Amino acid sequence: MHCLDFYFYLTNTDNDAVISFGWKTNTTRKETIVEVTSQIDNKWQHSKTTYISPSSEIYQVWFRMRRTAGNTALFHALDESKIFEGSCGILSFY
């Protein structure tokens, strides 16, 4: 079990902006961990998600930023992306 912890900034809720995080293995197994969407508030948002990684395989974490509509300017950013071992609810920091 792992915790994906990151901050994100997405503008323009009219264009259905999305940031997706997931993992994939060398055997083409792929799973989405979390998808976050643009918010009405014009500020940084925080996301924490507990996920189960493939136990016996090496895997890569991926992310994708996209929008599903519109052609106006879209501003997006990621910051402080971290992965911790253990559940997001019971993390301890030193």
Protein backbone atom coordinates (compact mmCIF):
# COMPACT_ATOMS: atom_id res chain seq x y z
CA MET A 1 0.00 0.00 0.00
CA HIS A 2 1.24 3.49 -0.88
CA CYS A 3 0.12 7.11 -0.55
CA LEU A 4 0.24 9.54 -3.50
CA ASP A 5 0.36 13.09 -2.14
CA PHE A 6 0.51 16.19 -4.37
CA TYR A 7 -0.66 19.76 -4.91
CA PHE A 8 -2.28 20.87 -8.16
CA TYR A 9 -3.55 24.02 -9.82
CA LEU A 10 -6.06 23.94 -12.67
CA THR A 11 -7.99 26.87 -14.07
CA ASN A 12 -11.01 27.21 -16.31
CA THR A 13 -13.76 24.87 -15.09
CA ASP A 14 -15.61 25.32 -18.42
CA ASN A 15 -13.08 23.12 -20.24
CA ASP A 16 -13.30 20.10 -17.93
CA ALA A 17 -9.58 20.07 -17.14
CA VAL A 18 -8.30 16.83 -15.57
CA ILE A 19 -5.00 15.59 -14.14
CA SER A 20 -4.73 11.80 -13.96
CA PHE A 21 -2.14 9.79 -12.03
CA GLY A 22 -1.67 6.06 -12.47
CA TRP A 23 0.80 3.21 -12.62
CA LYS A 24 1.86 0.78 -15.31
CA THR A 25 4.02 -2.33 -15.42
CA ASN A 26 6.32 -3.81 -18.03
CA THR A 27 3.60 -6.35 -18.81
CA THR A 28 1.35 -3.49 -20.01
CA ARG A 29 -0.85 -3.70 -16.94
CA LYS A 30 -2.16 -0.19 -16.28
CA GLU A 31 -4.32 1.33 -13.54
CA THR A 32 -5.47 4.85 -12.70
CA ILE A 33 -4.76 5.92 -9.12
CA VAL A 34 -6.67 9.21 -9.05
CA GLU A 35 -8.15 11.89 -11.32
CA VAL A 36 -8.53 15.47 -10.11
CA THR A 37 -10.55 18.17 -11.88
CA SER A 38 -10.48 21.95 -12.08
CA GLN A 39 -12.05 23.74 -9.12
CA ILE A 40 -14.09 26.93 -8.82
CA ASP A 41 -11.57 28.29 -6.29
CA ASN A 42 -8.61 30.00 -7.94
CA LYS A 43 -5.99 28.47 -5.64
CA TRP A 44 -3.73 25.45 -5.12
CA GLN A 45 -5.59 22.25 -4.24
CA HIS A 46 -4.24 19.26 -2.30
CA SER A 47 -4.80 15.57 -3.11
CA LYS A 48 -3.93 12.45 -1.09
CA THR A 49 -4.85 8.99 -2.33
CA THR A 50 -4.03 5.58 -0.91
CA TYR A 51 -3.47 2.93 -3.58
CA ILE A 52 -2.27 -0.64 -3.87
CA SER A 53 0.66 -1.11 -6.22
CA PRO A 54 1.46 -4.34 -8.07
CA SER A 55 3.24 -6.41 -5.44
CA SER A 56 5.50 -8.57 -7.57
CA GLU A 57 6.37 -6.26 -10.46
CA ILE A 58 8.41 -3.13 -11.03
CA TYR A 59 6.08 -0.32 -12.04
CA GLN A 60 6.19 3.27 -13.26
CA VAL A 61 3.98 6.11 -12.09
CA TRP A 62 2.57 8.31 -14.86
CA PHE A 63 0.49 11.48 -15.01
CA ARG A 64 -1.49 13.16 -17.76
CA MET A 65 -2.97 16.66 -17.96
CA ARG A 66 -5.85 17.14 -20.37
CA ARG A 67 -9.07 18.95 -21.07
CA THR A 68 -12.11 17.54 -22.77
CA ALA A 69 -13.65 20.70 -24.23
CA GLY A 70 -12.92 24.26 -25.32
CA ASN A 71 -9.97 26.03 -26.84
CA THR A 72 -9.32 28.89 -24.42
CA ALA A 73 -6.20 29.20 -22.27
CA LEU A 74 -5.75 26.57 -19.62
CA PHE A 75 -3.23 26.97 -16.82
CA HIS A 76 -2.11 23.93 -14.88
CA ALA A 77 0.65 23.02 -12.45
CA LEU A 78 1.83 20.21 -10.16
CA ASP A 79 3.97 20.64 -7.08
CA GLU A 80 5.40 18.55 -4.27
CA SER A 81 4.40 15.20 -5.77
CA LYS A 82 5.41 12.43 -3.34
CA ILE A 83 4.79 8.73 -2.89
CA PHE A 84 5.02 7.26 0.60
CA GLU A 85 4.84 3.67 1.74
CA GLY A 86 1.69 3.04 3.81
CA SER A 87 -1.82 4.45 3.89
CA CYS A 88 -2.38 8.22 3.60
CA GLY A 89 -4.36 8.08 6.84
CA ILE A 90 -1.53 6.71 9.00
CA LEU A 91 1.63 8.36 7.71
CA SER A 92 4.36 9.49 10.04
CA PHE A 93 6.92 12.10 9.01
CA TYR A 94 10.37 12.51 10.55
